Amino acid sequence: MAEPRPVAPALLVVALFSRHAEALAWGLARLESAYGPVALAGEPFAFQHTSYYAATMGADLRKRLVAFERPVAPDALADIKLHTNALEGELGASGEYPELRPLNLDPGLLTLGKFMLATTKDQAHRVYLRDGVFAEVTLRFHAGAWEPWPWTYADYREPFVHDFLLKARDHYRRLLSEPPGEP
């Protein structure tokens, strides 16, 4: 019988998207307050991969990926998703923006072998974590590159997203090789 072993922490990566630059800045500031400094920030890009969000978020959405400096416990993903949902709700309830949902925050965890996203929507390929939160392995790392699955969202198939996640993986690999207590 195999005995459970401790697992390495994972790198927190969050996708922020909105049509309002101020909402993106607000979300990033709240995330940094909760999870520490950002190690890597991707360039914002036009999110035109689906019209799914148009009814609640408007048009001309911009999306940005950020990876945090400090890794997190892998079992924290459900808590992080619940926190990001609460932040979205807080900003939406503020009345500062005309949309019901002026900001979307999608947290994920990166390990050496996979990138997974948290979601509140169940599907056959998602695993239930707790409190209405599921995890989906969105990409796998194989033969030196990120590879999508049939269910991978269109924006996570983009080469520039893979490039960002390669840089994030390099950062994460360096963190794993540092002795405990080293910055």
C-alpha atoms as a PDB file:
ATOM      1  CA  MET A   1       0.000   0.000   0.000  1.00  0.00           C
ATOM      2  CA  ALA A   2       1.337   3.405  -0.945  1.00  0.00           C
ATOM      3  CA  GLU A   3       1.513   5.947   1.824  1.00  0.00           C
ATOM      4  CA  PRO A   4       0.361   9.536   1.233  1.00  0.00           C
ATOM      5  CA  ARG A   5       3.261  11.942   0.875  1.00  0.00           C
ATOM      6  CA  PRO A   6       3.469  15.701   1.225  1.00  0.00           C
ATOM      7  CA  VAL A   7       2.980  17.568  -2.031  1.00  0.00           C
ATOM      8  CA  ALA A   8       4.843  20.621  -3.230  1.00  0.00           C
ATOM      9  CA  PRO A   9       3.046  23.938  -3.165  1.00  0.00           C
ATOM     10  CA  ALA A  10       1.690  25.232  -6.474  1.00  0.00           C
ATOM     11  CA  LEU A  11       2.064  28.553  -8.244  1.00  0.00           C
ATOM     12  CA  LEU A  12      -1.025  30.748  -8.144  1.00  0.00           C
ATOM     13  CA  VAL A  13      -1.932  32.195 -11.550  1.00  0.00           C
ATOM     14  CA  VAL A  14      -4.988  34.414 -11.965  1.00  0.00           C
ATOM     15  CA  ALA A  15      -6.635  35.646 -15.148  1.00  0.00           C
ATOM     16  CA  LEU A  16      -8.285  39.032 -14.697  1.00  0.00           C
ATOM     17  CA  PHE A  17     -10.622  40.377 -17.331  1.00  0.00           C
ATOM     18  CA  SER A  18     -12.856  43.375 -17.760  1.00  0.00           C
ATOM     19  CA  ARG A  19     -13.582  46.195 -20.158  1.00  0.00           C
ATOM     20  CA  HIS A  20     -12.584  48.693 -17.464  1.00  0.00           C
ATOM     21  CA  ALA A  21      -8.881  49.344 -16.765  1.00  0.00           C
ATOM     22  CA  GLU A  22      -9.843  50.641 -13.301  1.00  0.00           C
ATOM     23  CA  ALA A  23     -11.623  47.376 -12.469  1.00  0.00           C
ATOM     24  CA  LEU A  24      -8.557  45.387 -13.522  1.00  0.00           C
ATOM     25  CA  ALA A  25      -6.333  47.572 -11.329  1.00  0.00           C
ATOM     26  CA  TRP A  26      -8.771  47.221  -8.397  1.00  0.00           C
ATOM     27  CA  GLY A  27      -8.800  43.439  -8.760  1.00  0.00           C
ATOM     28  CA  LEU A  28      -5.024  43.197  -9.005  1.00  0.00           C
ATOM     29  CA  ALA A  29      -4.577  45.342  -5.886  1.00  0.00           C
ATOM     30  CA  ARG A  30      -7.000  43.138  -3.924  1.00  0.00           C
ATOM     31  CA  LEU A  31      -5.264  39.970  -5.115  1.00  0.00           C
ATOM     32  CA  GLU A  32      -1.831  41.305  -4.149  1.00  0.00           C
ATOM     33  CA  SER A  33      -3.193  42.271  -0.742  1.00  0.00           C
ATOM     34  CA  ALA A  34      -4.346  38.691  -0.207  1.00  0.00           C
ATOM     35  CA  TYR A  35      -1.667  36.619  -1.997  1.00  0.00           C
ATOM     36  CA  GLY A  36       1.429  38.805  -2.030  1.00  0.00           C
ATOM     37  CA  PRO A  37       3.379  40.383  -4.844  1.00  0.00           C
ATOM     38  CA  VAL A  38       3.056  39.435  -8.488  1.00  0.00           C
ATOM     39  CA  ALA A  39       6.155  37.806  -9.939  1.00  0.00           C
ATOM     40  CA  LEU A  40       5.044  37.897 -13.595  1.00  0.00           C
ATOM     41  CA  ALA A  41       2.364  39.886 -15.384  1.00  0.00           C
ATOM     42  CA  GLY A  42       1.381  39.182 -18.947  1.00  0.00           C
ATOM     43  CA  GLU A  43       0.389  41.882 -21.372  1.00  0.00           C
ATOM     44  CA  PRO A  44      -3.362  42.546 -21.511  1.00  0.00           C
ATOM     45  CA  PHE A  45      -4.964  41.067 -24.612  1.00  0.00           C
ATOM     46  CA  ALA A  46      -8.300  41.398 -26.347  1.00  0.00           C
ATOM     47  CA  PHE A  47     -10.599  38.661 -25.113  1.00  0.00           C
ATOM     48  CA  GLN A  48     -12.597  37.802 -28.233  1.00  0.00           C
ATOM     49  CA  HIS A  49     -12.710  34.048 -27.876  1.00  0.00           C
ATOM     50  CA  THR A  50     -16.373  33.801 -26.879  1.00  0.00           C
ATOM     51  CA  SER A  51     -19.442  36.002 -26.471  1.00  0.00           C
ATOM     52  CA  TYR A  52     -20.409  34.094 -23.284  1.00  0.00           C
ATOM     53  CA  TYR A  53     -19.610  37.038 -20.993  1.00  0.00           C
ATOM     54  CA  ALA A  54     -21.090  39.868 -23.094  1.00  0.00           C
ATOM     55  CA  ALA A  55     -24.487  39.906 -21.353  1.00  0.00           C
ATOM     56  CA  THR A  56     -23.040  40.472 -17.885  1.00  0.00           C
ATOM     57  CA  MET A  57     -19.660  42.078 -18.634  1.00  0.00           C
ATOM     58  CA  GLY A  58     -20.154  44.071 -21.829  1.00  0.00           C
ATOM     59  CA  ALA A  59     -18.021  44.136 -24.961  1.00  0.00           C
ATOM     60  CA  ASP A  60     -14.357  44.885 -25.647  1.00  0.00           C
ATOM     61  CA  LEU A  61     -13.036  42.801 -22.769  1.00  0.00           C
ATOM     62  CA  ARG A  62      -9.321  42.795 -21.960  1.00  0.00           C
ATOM     63  CA  LYS A  63      -7.682  39.856 -20.201  1.00  0.00           C
ATOM     64  CA  ARG A  64      -4.421  39.653 -18.309  1.00  0.00           C
ATOM     65  CA  LEU A  65      -2.618  36.759 -16.648  1.00  0.00           C
ATOM     66  CA  VAL A  66      -0.562  37.230 -13.500  1.00  0.00           C
ATOM     67  CA  ALA A  67       1.555  34.751 -11.542  1.00  0.00           C
ATOM     68  CA  PHE A  68       2.295  35.374  -7.897  1.00  0.00           C
ATOM     69  CA  GLU A  69       5.687  35.351  -6.236  1.00  0.00           C
ATOM     70  CA  ARG A  70       4.859  32.916  -3.453  1.00  0.00           C
ATOM     71  CA  PRO A  71       3.438  29.448  -4.043  1.00  0.00           C
ATOM     72  CA  VAL A  72       0.289  28.283  -2.275  1.00  0.00           C
ATOM     73  CA  ALA A  73      -0.921  24.983  -0.889  1.00  0.00           C
ATOM     74  CA  PRO A  74      -2.615  22.998  -3.679  1.00  0.00           C
ATOM     75  CA  ASP A  75      -5.648  22.360  -1.494  1.00  0.00           C
ATOM     76  CA  ALA A  76      -6.226  26.131  -1.228  1.00  0.00           C
ATOM     77  CA  LEU A  77      -7.751  26.337  -4.731  1.00  0.00           C
ATOM     78  CA  ALA A  78     -11.360  26.167  -3.529  1.00  0.00           C
ATOM     79  CA  ASP A  79     -10.743  28.902  -0.935  1.00  0.00           C
ATOM     80  CA  ILE A  80      -9.065  31.077  -3.549  1.00  0.00           C
ATOM     81  CA  LYS A  81     -11.968  30.645  -5.985  1.00  0.00           C
ATOM     82  CA  LEU A  82     -14.486  31.527  -3.281  1.00  0.00           C
ATOM     83  CA  HIS A  83     -12.403  34.599  -2.427  1.00  0.00           C
ATOM     84  CA  THR A  84     -12.146  35.754  -6.055  1.00  0.00           C
ATOM     85  CA  ASN A  85     -15.907  35.274  -6.472  1.00  0.00           C
ATOM     86  CA  ALA A  86     -16.460  37.422  -3.365  1.00  0.00           C
ATOM     87  CA  LEU A  87     -14.204  40.129  -4.817  1.00  0.00           C
ATOM     88  CA  GLU A  88     -16.164  40.075  -8.083  1.00  0.00           C
ATOM     89  CA  GLY A  89     -19.396  40.379  -6.120  1.00  0.00           C
ATOM     90  CA  GLU A  90     -18.032  43.253  -4.023  1.00  0.00           C
ATOM     91  CA  LEU A  91     -17.069  45.274  -7.077  1.00  0.00           C
ATOM     92  CA  GLY A  92     -20.319  44.470  -8.860  1.00  0.00           C
ATOM     93  CA  ALA A  93     -22.366  45.565  -5.815  1.00  0.00           C
ATOM     94  CA  SER A  94     -20.460  48.847  -5.567  1.00  0.00           C
ATOM     95  CA  GLY A  95     -22.534  50.340  -8.387  1.00  0.00           C
ATOM     96  CA  GLU A  96     -19.436  51.978  -9.880  1.00  0.00           C
ATOM     97  CA  TYR A  97     -19.898  50.243 -13.224  1.00  0.00           C
ATOM     98  CA  PRO A  98     -22.925  49.771 -15.478  1.00  0.00           C
ATOM     99  CA  GLU A  99     -22.397  46.003 -15.846  1.00  0.00           C
ATOM    100  CA  LEU A 100     -23.609  43.376 -13.394  1.00  0.00           C
ATOM    101  CA  ARG A 101     -20.143  41.848 -13.458  1.00  0.00           C
ATOM    102  CA  PRO A 102     -17.490  44.448 -14.208  1.00  0.00           C
ATOM    103  CA  LEU A 103     -14.635  42.071 -13.366  1.00  0.00           C
ATOM    104  CA  ASN A 104     -13.915  38.362 -13.758  1.00  0.00           C
ATOM    105  CA  LEU A 105     -11.150  36.706 -11.733  1.00  0.00           C
ATOM    106  CA  ASP A 106     -10.229  33.155 -12.716  1.00  0.00           C
ATOM    107  CA  PRO A 107      -7.692  31.535 -10.387  1.00  0.00           C
ATOM    108  CA  GLY A 108      -5.598  28.567 -11.349  1.00  0.00           C
ATOM    109  CA  LEU A 109      -2.673  26.561 -10.075  1.00  0.00           C
ATOM    110  CA  LEU A 110       0.459  25.712 -11.993  1.00  0.00           C
ATOM    111  CA  THR A 111       2.702  22.754 -11.180  1.00  0.00           C
ATOM    112  CA  LEU A 112       5.538  21.305 -13.220  1.00  0.00           C
ATOM    113  CA  GLY A 113       3.170  18.943 -15.019  1.00  0.00           C
ATOM    114  CA  LYS A 114      -0.120  20.798 -15.303  1.00  0.00           C
ATOM    115  CA  PHE A 115      -2.078  24.019 -15.190  1.00  0.00           C
ATOM    116  CA  MET A 116      -5.533  23.786 -13.685  1.00  0.00           C
ATOM    117  CA  LEU A 117      -8.358  26.274 -13.307  1.00  0.00           C
ATOM    118  CA  ALA A 118     -11.016  26.551 -10.644  1.00  0.00           C
ATOM    119  CA  THR A 119     -14.643  26.782 -11.724  1.00  0.00           C
ATOM    120  CA  THR A 120     -18.123  26.597 -10.248  1.00  0.00           C
ATOM    121  CA  LYS A 121     -19.490  24.753 -13.284  1.00  0.00           C
ATOM    122  CA  ASP A 122     -19.476  20.960 -13.318  1.00  0.00           C
ATOM    123  CA  GLN A 123     -18.587  18.938 -16.409  1.00  0.00           C
ATOM    124  CA  ALA A 124     -17.515  15.327 -16.984  1.00  0.00           C
ATOM    125  CA  HIS A 125     -13.802  16.247 -16.962  1.00  0.00           C
ATOM    126  CA  ARG A 126     -13.891  18.311 -13.742  1.00  0.00           C
ATOM    127  CA  VAL A 127     -13.279  17.125 -10.207  1.00  0.00           C
ATOM    128  CA  TYR A 128     -15.316  18.431  -7.303  1.00  0.00           C
ATOM    129  CA  LEU A 129     -13.234  20.071  -4.585  1.00  0.00           C
ATOM    130  CA  ARG A 130     -15.773  21.472  -2.099  1.00  0.00           C
ATOM    131  CA  ASP A 131     -18.317  24.237  -1.524  1.00  0.00           C
ATOM    132  CA  GLY A 132     -19.450  24.222  -5.150  1.00  0.00           C
ATOM    133  CA  VAL A 133     -15.920  24.540  -6.587  1.00  0.00           C
ATOM    134  CA  PHE A 134     -14.436  22.190  -9.191  1.00  0.00           C
ATOM    135  CA  ALA A 135     -10.940  21.887 -10.661  1.00  0.00           C
ATOM    136  CA  GLU A 136     -10.124  21.338 -14.306  1.00  0.00           C
ATOM    137  CA  VAL A 137      -6.742  20.375 -15.689  1.00  0.00           C
ATOM    138  CA  THR A 138      -6.698  22.871 -18.535  1.00  0.00           C
ATOM    139  CA  LEU A 139      -3.205  22.218 -19.909  1.00  0.00           C
ATOM    140  CA  ARG A 140      -0.571  19.562 -19.424  1.00  0.00           C
ATOM    141  CA  PHE A 141       3.168  20.011 -19.748  1.00  0.00           C
ATOM    142  CA  HIS A 142       4.630  17.426 -22.097  1.00  0.00           C
ATOM    143  CA  ALA A 143       7.858  17.266 -24.137  1.00  0.00           C
ATOM    144  CA  GLY A 144       8.831  20.804 -23.137  1.00  0.00           C
ATOM    145  CA  ALA A 145       5.554  22.498 -24.047  1.00  0.00           C
ATOM    146  CA  TRP A 146       2.043  23.172 -22.777  1.00  0.00           C
ATOM    147  CA  GLU A 147      -0.563  21.008 -24.510  1.00  0.00           C
ATOM    148  CA  PRO A 148      -4.325  21.577 -24.518  1.00  0.00           C
ATOM    149  CA  TRP A 149      -7.025  18.994 -23.977  1.00  0.00           C
ATOM    150  CA  PRO A 150     -10.221  18.782 -26.051  1.00  0.00           C
ATOM    151  CA  TRP A 151     -12.007  20.886 -23.389  1.00  0.00           C
ATOM    152  CA  THR A 152      -9.330  23.596 -23.068  1.00  0.00           C
ATOM    153  CA  TYR A 153     -10.785  27.089 -23.502  1.00  0.00           C
ATOM    154  CA  ALA A 154      -9.782  28.849 -26.737  1.00  0.00           C
ATOM    155  CA  ASP A 155      -7.770  31.593 -25.025  1.00  0.00           C
ATOM    156  CA  TYR A 156      -5.677  29.000 -23.154  1.00  0.00           C
ATOM    157  CA  ARG A 157      -4.749  27.497 -26.550  1.00  0.00           C
ATOM    158  CA  GLU A 158      -3.077  30.753 -27.635  1.00  0.00           C
ATOM    159  CA  PRO A 159       0.709  30.621 -28.130  1.00  0.00           C
ATOM    160  CA  PHE A 160       1.223  33.828 -26.110  1.00  0.00           C
ATOM    161  CA  VAL A 161      -0.647  32.253 -23.157  1.00  0.00           C
ATOM    162  CA  HIS A 162       1.604  29.194 -23.416  1.00  0.00           C
ATOM    163  CA  ASP A 163       4.639  31.515 -23.521  1.00  0.00           C
ATOM    164  CA  PHE A 164       3.491  33.272 -20.349  1.00  0.00           C
ATOM    165  CA  LEU A 165       2.866  29.948 -18.616  1.00  0.00           C
ATOM    166  CA  LEU A 166       6.339  28.724 -19.669  1.00  0.00           C
ATOM    167  CA  LYS A 167       7.843  31.764 -17.935  1.00  0.00           C
ATOM    168  CA  ALA A 168       5.625  31.113 -14.912  1.00  0.00           C
ATOM    169  CA  ARG A 169       6.746  27.469 -14.881  1.00  0.00           C
ATOM    170  CA  ASP A 170      10.403  28.571 -14.966  1.00  0.00           C
ATOM    171  CA  HIS A 171       9.740  30.898 -12.025  1.00  0.00           C
ATOM    172  CA  TYR A 172       7.992  28.077 -10.171  1.00  0.00           C
ATOM    173  CA  ARG A 173      10.847  25.646 -10.889  1.00  0.00           C
ATOM    174  CA  ARG A 174      13.320  28.160  -9.435  1.00  0.00           C
ATOM    175  CA  LEU A 175      11.167  28.510  -6.318  1.00  0.00           C
ATOM    176  CA  LEU A 176      11.134  24.749  -5.844  1.00  0.00           C
ATOM    177  CA  SER A 177      14.918  24.575  -6.083  1.00  0.00           C
ATOM    178  CA  GLU A 178      15.549  27.306  -3.478  1.00  0.00           C
ATOM    179  CA  PRO A 179      16.389  26.119   0.000  1.00  0.00           C
ATOM    180  CA  PRO A 180      13.630  26.798   2.581  1.00  0.00           C
ATOM    181  CA  GLY A 181      13.804  30.302   3.945  1.00  0.00           C
ATOM    182  CA  GLU A 182      15.624  31.689   0.891  1.00  0.00           C
ATOM    183  CA  PRO A 183      13.929  34.545  -0.982  1.00  0.00           C
END
